[in-house]
Amino acid sequence: MKARLKWVDGVCFLGESGSGHAVVMDGAPEGGGRNLGPRPMELLLLGTAGCTSYDVITILKKSRQQVSDCWVEIEAERAEEEPKVLTRIHFHFVVSGRELKADAVERAIKLSAEKYCSASIMLGKTADISHDFELRDA
C-alpha cells in the first residue's frame, strides 16, 4: 500500500490514496484549522468502521442473509494525556433485511473482530473494543 499526504496550510492536509482517491483533513479553529474536513482521528475511526463493515456484509452475504442496509454508530474515548490514543471504541451495528438471523449477524461481527478486520485488531492493542447490534426488518 502507498499513500501521499500534502500539507495545504495551517493544519489542513490533502491525502491521496494509492487507489487514486483524495480526502481533505483539517483541524478545529481552536487548533489552527478552518474545519474544512474531518480530523485525522475521525478518519481512523471511520476507516475502522469501514473495515469491519466490509467484513460483516461479506460474511452475511456468504451466509445467504438477505441484508438490505447496514450502518455502524461509533463511540470512542481517548486518553487524556499525550499521546492521546484511543482507549475505548464501541461499534453499534444496525442491520436491516428480510428474515435476518441474529446468530448469523453475531457470528459475522465476531469473525470480523477476531480474525478479519486488521484495523480493529490493530487498534485493539491500545483500546478496549466492544460491539453490539440491532436487527431491523426491511
C-alpha atoms as a PDB file:
ATOM      1  CA  MET A   1       0.000   0.000   0.000  1.00  0.00           C
ATOM      2  CA  LYS A   2       1.068   3.528  -0.691  1.00  0.00           C
ATOM      3  CA  ALA A   3      -0.405   6.924   0.044  1.00  0.00           C
ATOM      4  CA  ARG A   4       0.639  10.547  -0.110  1.00  0.00           C
ATOM      5  CA  LEU A   5      -0.146  13.430   2.201  1.00  0.00           C
ATOM      6  CA  LYS A   6       0.379  17.088   1.262  1.00  0.00           C
ATOM      7  CA  TRP A   7       0.248  19.981   3.658  1.00  0.00           C
ATOM      8  CA  VAL A   8      -2.124  22.683   2.371  1.00  0.00           C
ATOM      9  CA  ASP A   9      -1.881  25.349   5.098  1.00  0.00           C
ATOM     10  CA  GLY A  10      -2.457  25.762   8.824  1.00  0.00           C
ATOM     11  CA  VAL A  11      -3.332  22.223   9.899  1.00  0.00           C
ATOM     12  CA  CYS A  12      -5.094  21.305   6.655  1.00  0.00           C
ATOM     13  CA  PHE A  13      -3.782  18.355   4.645  1.00  0.00           C
ATOM     14  CA  LEU A  14      -4.746  16.654   1.396  1.00  0.00           C
ATOM     15  CA  GLY A  15      -4.400  12.900   1.487  1.00  0.00           C
ATOM     16  CA  GLU A  16      -4.167  10.871  -1.716  1.00  0.00           C
ATOM     17  CA  SER A  17      -4.643   7.130  -1.528  1.00  0.00           C
ATOM     18  CA  GLY A  18      -2.747   4.655  -3.645  1.00  0.00           C
ATOM     19  CA  SER A  19      -6.033   3.821  -5.361  1.00  0.00           C
ATOM     20  CA  GLY A  20      -6.329   7.406  -6.605  1.00  0.00           C
ATOM     21  CA  HIS A  21      -8.815   8.929  -4.156  1.00  0.00           C
ATOM     22  CA  ALA A  22      -8.406  12.145  -2.196  1.00  0.00           C
ATOM     23  CA  VAL A  23      -9.572  13.370   1.188  1.00  0.00           C
ATOM     24  CA  VAL A  24      -9.117  16.691   2.960  1.00  0.00           C
ATOM     25  CA  MET A  25      -8.280  16.625   6.678  1.00  0.00           C
ATOM     26  CA  ASP A  26      -8.348  19.706   8.849  1.00  0.00           C
ATOM     27  CA  GLY A  27      -8.456  20.786  12.457  1.00  0.00           C
ATOM     28  CA  ALA A  28     -10.867  22.809  14.521  1.00  0.00           C
ATOM     29  CA  PRO A  29     -10.399  26.602  14.526  1.00  0.00           C
ATOM     30  CA  GLU A  30      -9.162  26.499  18.146  1.00  0.00           C
ATOM     31  CA  GLY A  31      -6.382  24.194  16.962  1.00  0.00           C
ATOM     32  CA  GLY A  32      -5.342  26.333  13.991  1.00  0.00           C
ATOM     33  CA  GLY A  33      -7.656  24.779  11.429  1.00  0.00           C
ATOM     34  CA  ARG A  34     -10.534  26.037   9.335  1.00  0.00           C
ATOM     35  CA  ASN A  35     -12.779  22.990   9.819  1.00  0.00           C
ATOM     36  CA  LEU A  36     -12.544  22.080   6.118  1.00  0.00           C
ATOM     37  CA  GLY A  37     -12.642  18.341   6.672  1.00  0.00           C
ATOM     38  CA  PRO A  38     -12.665  15.554   9.211  1.00  0.00           C
ATOM     39  CA  ARG A  39      -9.928  15.256  11.802  1.00  0.00           C
ATOM     40  CA  PRO A  40      -7.319  12.533  11.202  1.00  0.00           C
ATOM     41  CA  MET A  41      -8.517  10.569  14.256  1.00  0.00           C
ATOM     42  CA  GLU A  42     -12.089  10.735  12.951  1.00  0.00           C
ATOM     43  CA  LEU A  43     -10.887   9.206   9.695  1.00  0.00           C
ATOM     44  CA  LEU A  44      -9.153   6.486  11.687  1.00  0.00           C
ATOM     45  CA  LEU A  45     -12.485   5.595  13.321  1.00  0.00           C
ATOM     46  CA  LEU A  46     -14.366   5.783  10.026  1.00  0.00           C
ATOM     47  CA  GLY A  47     -11.750   3.622   8.319  1.00  0.00           C
ATOM     48  CA  THR A  48     -12.007   1.036  11.084  1.00  0.00           C
ATOM     49  CA  ALA A  49     -15.798   1.023  10.852  1.00  0.00           C
ATOM     50  CA  GLY A  50     -15.485   0.626   7.089  1.00  0.00           C
ATOM     51  CA  CYS A  51     -13.068  -2.271   7.508  1.00  0.00           C
ATOM     52  CA  THR A  52     -15.285  -4.182   9.927  1.00  0.00           C
ATOM     53  CA  SER A  53     -18.480  -3.393   7.984  1.00  0.00           C
ATOM     54  CA  TYR A  54     -16.878  -4.705   4.800  1.00  0.00           C
ATOM     55  CA  ASP A  55     -16.227  -7.985   6.618  1.00  0.00           C
ATOM     56  CA  VAL A  56     -19.676  -8.176   8.215  1.00  0.00           C
ATOM     57  CA  ILE A  57     -21.543  -7.560   4.946  1.00  0.00           C
ATOM     58  CA  THR A  58     -19.345 -10.031   3.051  1.00  0.00           C
ATOM     59  CA  ILE A  59     -19.791 -12.746   5.704  1.00  0.00           C
ATOM     60  CA  LEU A  60     -23.560 -12.176   5.883  1.00  0.00           C
ATOM     61  CA  LYS A  61     -23.936 -12.383   2.109  1.00  0.00           C
ATOM     62  CA  LYS A  62     -21.886 -15.601   2.038  1.00  0.00           C
ATOM     63  CA  SER A  63     -24.229 -16.898   4.757  1.00  0.00           C
ATOM     64  CA  ARG A  64     -27.151 -16.140   2.428  1.00  0.00           C
ATOM     65  CA  GLN A  65     -28.586 -13.497   4.739  1.00  0.00           C
ATOM     66  CA  GLN A  66     -30.871 -11.031   2.932  1.00  0.00           C
ATOM     67  CA  VAL A  67     -29.197  -7.802   4.046  1.00  0.00           C
ATOM     68  CA  SER A  68     -30.645  -4.590   2.625  1.00  0.00           C
ATOM     69  CA  ASP A  69     -28.911  -1.986   4.805  1.00  0.00           C
ATOM     70  CA  CYS A  70     -26.198  -1.676   7.417  1.00  0.00           C
ATOM     71  CA  TRP A  71     -24.670   1.177   9.331  1.00  0.00           C
ATOM     72  CA  VAL A  72     -22.424   1.474  12.328  1.00  0.00           C
ATOM     73  CA  GLU A  73     -22.631   4.055  15.091  1.00  0.00           C
ATOM     74  CA  ILE A  74     -19.216   4.535  16.683  1.00  0.00           C
ATOM     75  CA  GLU A  75     -18.370   5.964  20.086  1.00  0.00           C
ATOM     76  CA  ALA A  76     -14.787   6.318  21.201  1.00  0.00           C
ATOM     77  CA  GLU A  77     -12.760   7.713  24.061  1.00  0.00           C
ATOM     78  CA  ARG A  78      -9.184   8.931  24.004  1.00  0.00           C
ATOM     79  CA  ALA A  79      -6.529   9.131  26.677  1.00  0.00           C
ATOM     80  CA  GLU A  80      -6.341  12.497  28.393  1.00  0.00           C
ATOM     81  CA  GLU A  81      -2.538  12.644  28.268  1.00  0.00           C
ATOM     82  CA  GLU A  82      -0.289  12.648  25.208  1.00  0.00           C
ATOM     83  CA  PRO A  83      -0.211  10.539  23.201  1.00  0.00           C
ATOM     84  CA  LYS A  84      -3.995  10.701  23.181  1.00  0.00           C
ATOM     85  CA  VAL A  85      -4.508   7.170  21.928  1.00  0.00           C
ATOM     86  CA  LEU A  86      -7.953   5.670  21.598  1.00  0.00           C
ATOM     87  CA  THR A  87      -8.714   3.790  24.811  1.00  0.00           C
ATOM     88  CA  ARG A  88     -12.294   2.650  24.193  1.00  0.00           C
ATOM     89  CA  ILE A  89     -14.243   2.085  20.980  1.00  0.00           C
ATOM     90  CA  HIS A  90     -17.795   0.802  20.728  1.00  0.00           C
ATOM     91  CA  PHE A  91     -19.339  -0.251  17.412  1.00  0.00           C
ATOM     92  CA  HIS A  92     -23.132  -0.467  17.296  1.00  0.00           C
ATOM     93  CA  PHE A  93     -24.253  -2.198  14.077  1.00  0.00           C
ATOM     94  CA  VAL A  94     -27.755  -1.626  12.753  1.00  0.00           C
ATOM     95  CA  VAL A  95     -28.519  -4.294  10.172  1.00  0.00           C
ATOM     96  CA  SER A  96     -31.693  -4.379   8.102  1.00  0.00           C
ATOM     97  CA  GLY A  97     -33.005  -7.130   5.929  1.00  0.00           C
ATOM     98  CA  ARG A  98     -35.538  -9.882   5.484  1.00  0.00           C
ATOM     99  CA  GLU A  99     -35.566 -12.815   7.874  1.00  0.00           C
ATOM    100  CA  LEU A 100     -32.138 -11.959   9.277  1.00  0.00           C
ATOM    101  CA  LYS A 101     -30.852 -14.405  11.855  1.00  0.00           C
ATOM    102  CA  ALA A 102     -29.386 -12.796  14.972  1.00  0.00           C
ATOM    103  CA  ASP A 103     -26.866 -15.613  15.399  1.00  0.00           C
ATOM    104  CA  ALA A 104     -25.577 -15.060  11.837  1.00  0.00           C
ATOM    105  CA  VAL A 105     -25.101 -11.332  12.482  1.00  0.00           C
ATOM    106  CA  GLU A 106     -23.419 -12.001  15.821  1.00  0.00           C
ATOM    107  CA  ARG A 107     -21.103 -14.563  14.158  1.00  0.00           C
ATOM    108  CA  ALA A 108     -20.193 -12.143  11.339  1.00  0.00           C
ATOM    109  CA  ILE A 109     -19.314  -9.377  13.807  1.00  0.00           C
ATOM    110  CA  LYS A 110     -17.269 -11.775  15.943  1.00  0.00           C
ATOM    111  CA  LEU A 111     -15.342 -13.140  12.932  1.00  0.00           C
ATOM    112  CA  SER A 112     -14.557  -9.615  11.797  1.00  0.00           C
ATOM    113  CA  ALA A 113     -13.440  -8.538  15.279  1.00  0.00           C
ATOM    114  CA  GLU A 114     -11.304 -11.599  15.991  1.00  0.00           C
ATOM    115  CA  LYS A 115      -9.999 -12.707  12.596  1.00  0.00           C
ATOM    116  CA  TYR A 116     -10.527 -10.424   9.601  1.00  0.00           C
ATOM    117  CA  CYS A 117     -10.578  -6.709  10.446  1.00  0.00           C
ATOM    118  CA  SER A 118      -6.934  -5.723  10.562  1.00  0.00           C
ATOM    119  CA  ALA A 119      -7.809  -2.148  11.544  1.00  0.00           C
ATOM    120  CA  SER A 120      -9.830  -3.039  14.644  1.00  0.00           C
ATOM    121  CA  ILE A 121      -7.440  -5.818  15.626  1.00  0.00           C
ATOM    122  CA  MET A 122      -4.581  -3.314  15.432  1.00  0.00           C
ATOM    123  CA  LEU A 123      -6.493  -0.672  17.432  1.00  0.00           C
ATOM    124  CA  GLY A 124      -7.375  -3.359  19.956  1.00  0.00           C
ATOM    125  CA  LYS A 125      -3.748  -3.218  21.099  1.00  0.00           C
ATOM    126  CA  THR A 126      -4.490   0.097  22.862  1.00  0.00           C
ATOM    127  CA  ALA A 127      -8.281   0.308  23.026  1.00  0.00           C
ATOM    128  CA  ASP A 128     -10.977  -1.771  24.640  1.00  0.00           C
ATOM    129  CA  ILE A 129     -13.231  -2.575  21.678  1.00  0.00           C
ATOM    130  CA  SER A 130     -16.829  -3.688  22.063  1.00  0.00           C
ATOM    131  CA  HIS A 131     -19.635  -4.453  19.645  1.00  0.00           C
ATOM    132  CA  ASP A 132     -23.367  -4.849  19.714  1.00  0.00           C
ATOM    133  CA  PHE A 133     -26.085  -4.869  17.103  1.00  0.00           C
ATOM    134  CA  GLU A 134     -29.749  -4.490  16.408  1.00  0.00           C
ATOM    135  CA  LEU A 135     -31.790  -6.035  13.635  1.00  0.00           C
ATOM    136  CA  ARG A 136     -34.479  -4.247  11.665  1.00  0.00           C
ATOM    137  CA  ASP A 137     -36.912  -5.642   9.155  1.00  0.00           C
ATOM    138  CA  ALA A 138     -36.554  -4.274   5.665  1.00  0.00           C
END
